[in-house]
Amino acid sequence: MSHFLNAIRNLIAKGHVRISEHGYDELSEDGLTVKELLDGIDKAQIVEEYPNYPIGRCLLLLQKDKHDYSVHVLWGIPKGHDKPVVLVTSYRPDPKRWDQTFLYRIK
């Protein structure tokens, strides 16, 4: 288990969460709610880690929406800070670009 994923989960549990403007746009575009992604964080799986992401360390997670459909969510903590956790973006993964589990990119 990733220590960073645990940190993200702990920040969410404590309510230290921010949604980026882009994150809200993407949620709306896909008919997703913040609540369903927050509620599903305990079952999230790591897809990719970005320890050196320009805005701060990030994790791309595979989560499920309220209908049990797959969603990729990029969570991060701003560089130089230990909170809040930020929902940077989310999207429904394209099956042409991901394997059937949506955990691995098709090369």
Protein backbone atom coordinates (compact mmCIF):
# COMPACT_ATOMS: atom_id res chain seq x y z
CA MET A 1 0.00 0.00 0.00
CA SER A 2 1.30 3.41 -0.95
CA HIS A 3 2.01 5.82 1.90
CA PHE A 4 0.94 8.63 -0.40
CA LEU A 5 -2.43 6.99 -1.06
CA ASN A 6 -2.89 6.65 2.69
CA ALA A 7 -2.05 10.35 3.10
CA ILE A 8 -4.68 11.23 0.47
CA ARG A 9 -7.27 9.06 2.20
CA ASN A 10 -6.47 10.61 5.59
CA LEU A 11 -6.77 14.16 4.25
CA ILE A 12 -10.12 13.32 2.67
CA ALA A 13 -11.33 11.77 5.94
CA LYS A 14 -10.39 14.99 7.76
CA GLY A 15 -12.12 17.17 5.17
CA HIS A 16 -8.91 18.75 3.85
CA VAL A 17 -10.06 18.62 0.23
CA ARG A 18 -10.11 21.12 -2.61
CA ILE A 19 -11.45 20.66 -6.11
CA SER A 20 -9.62 22.50 -8.88
CA GLU A 21 -11.62 24.57 -11.32
CA HIS A 22 -10.64 22.12 -14.05
CA GLY A 23 -11.68 19.28 -11.76
CA TYR A 24 -15.18 20.74 -11.39
CA ASP A 25 -15.43 21.17 -15.17
CA GLU A 26 -14.47 17.55 -15.79
CA LEU A 27 -16.82 16.22 -13.09
CA SER A 28 -19.69 18.13 -14.64
CA GLU A 29 -18.81 16.98 -18.16
CA ASP A 30 -18.98 13.31 -17.10
CA GLY A 31 -22.00 13.65 -14.81
CA LEU A 32 -19.97 12.86 -11.69
CA THR A 33 -20.25 14.29 -8.20
CA VAL A 34 -17.55 15.11 -5.71
CA LYS A 35 -19.42 13.08 -3.10
CA GLU A 36 -19.31 9.82 -5.05
CA LEU A 37 -15.56 10.15 -5.62
CA LEU A 38 -14.90 11.05 -1.99
CA ASP A 39 -17.08 8.16 -0.85
CA GLY A 40 -15.20 5.73 -3.10
CA ILE A 41 -11.67 6.68 -2.11
CA ASP A 42 -11.26 3.65 0.20
CA LYS A 43 -11.65 1.26 -2.74
CA ALA A 44 -9.47 3.27 -5.13
CA GLN A 45 -6.57 1.55 -6.88
CA ILE A 46 -3.34 3.19 -7.99
CA VAL A 47 -2.96 3.44 -11.76
CA GLU A 48 0.12 5.67 -11.96
CA GLU A 49 2.24 7.74 -9.59
CA TYR A 50 3.68 11.13 -10.48
CA PRO A 51 6.17 12.00 -7.72
CA ASN A 52 7.67 14.90 -9.68
CA TYR A 53 4.52 16.42 -11.15
CA PRO A 54 5.07 20.20 -11.60
CA ILE A 55 2.19 21.22 -9.28
CA GLY A 56 3.14 18.67 -6.63
CA ARG A 57 3.09 14.93 -6.09
CA CYS A 58 0.04 13.22 -7.65
CA LEU A 59 -1.61 9.84 -7.98
CA LEU A 60 -3.86 8.71 -10.80
CA LEU A 61 -6.43 6.43 -9.20
CA LEU A 62 -9.02 4.09 -10.59
CA GLN A 63 -12.28 4.71 -8.78
CA LYS A 64 -15.91 3.77 -9.37
CA ASP A 65 -18.88 6.08 -9.72
CA LYS A 66 -22.24 5.48 -8.04
CA HIS A 67 -23.19 3.13 -10.91
CA ASP A 68 -19.96 1.12 -10.50
CA TYR A 69 -18.45 2.49 -13.74
CA SER A 70 -14.71 3.16 -13.89
CA VAL A 71 -13.36 6.66 -13.43
CA HIS A 72 -9.75 7.87 -13.39
CA VAL A 73 -9.14 10.58 -10.81
CA LEU A 74 -5.93 12.58 -10.43
CA TRP A 75 -5.39 13.55 -6.78
CA GLY A 76 -2.45 15.64 -5.63
CA ILE A 77 -1.01 17.69 -2.82
CA PRO A 78 0.39 21.11 -3.81
CA LYS A 79 4.16 21.32 -3.98
CA GLY A 80 5.66 22.53 -0.70
CA HIS A 81 2.52 21.74 1.33
CA ASP A 82 1.11 18.81 3.27
CA LYS A 83 -2.55 19.69 2.69
CA PRO A 84 -5.12 19.98 1.21
CA VAL A 85 -5.50 17.10 -1.20
CA VAL A 86 -6.69 18.44 -4.55
CA LEU A 87 -8.89 16.69 -7.08
CA VAL A 88 -7.02 17.90 -10.15
CA THR A 89 -9.10 16.15 -12.81
CA SER A 90 -11.24 13.12 -13.50
CA TYR A 91 -12.37 11.34 -16.62
CA ARG A 92 -13.89 8.13 -17.86
CA PRO A 93 -11.01 6.10 -19.31
CA ASP A 94 -11.08 5.39 -23.03
CA PRO A 95 -11.14 1.59 -23.61
CA LYS A 96 -9.04 2.13 -26.74
CA ARG A 97 -6.21 3.54 -24.61
CA TRP A 98 -6.47 1.29 -21.53
CA ASP A 99 -6.63 -2.45 -20.92
CA GLN A 100 -9.93 -3.97 -19.78
CA THR A 101 -9.11 -3.28 -16.10
CA PHE A 102 -8.34 0.40 -16.85
CA LEU A 103 -5.15 0.01 -14.81
CA TYR A 104 -2.64 -0.24 -17.68
CA ARG A 105 -2.19 1.87 -20.78
CA ILE A 106 -2.23 0.10 -24.13
CA LYS A 107 1.05 0.77 -25.88
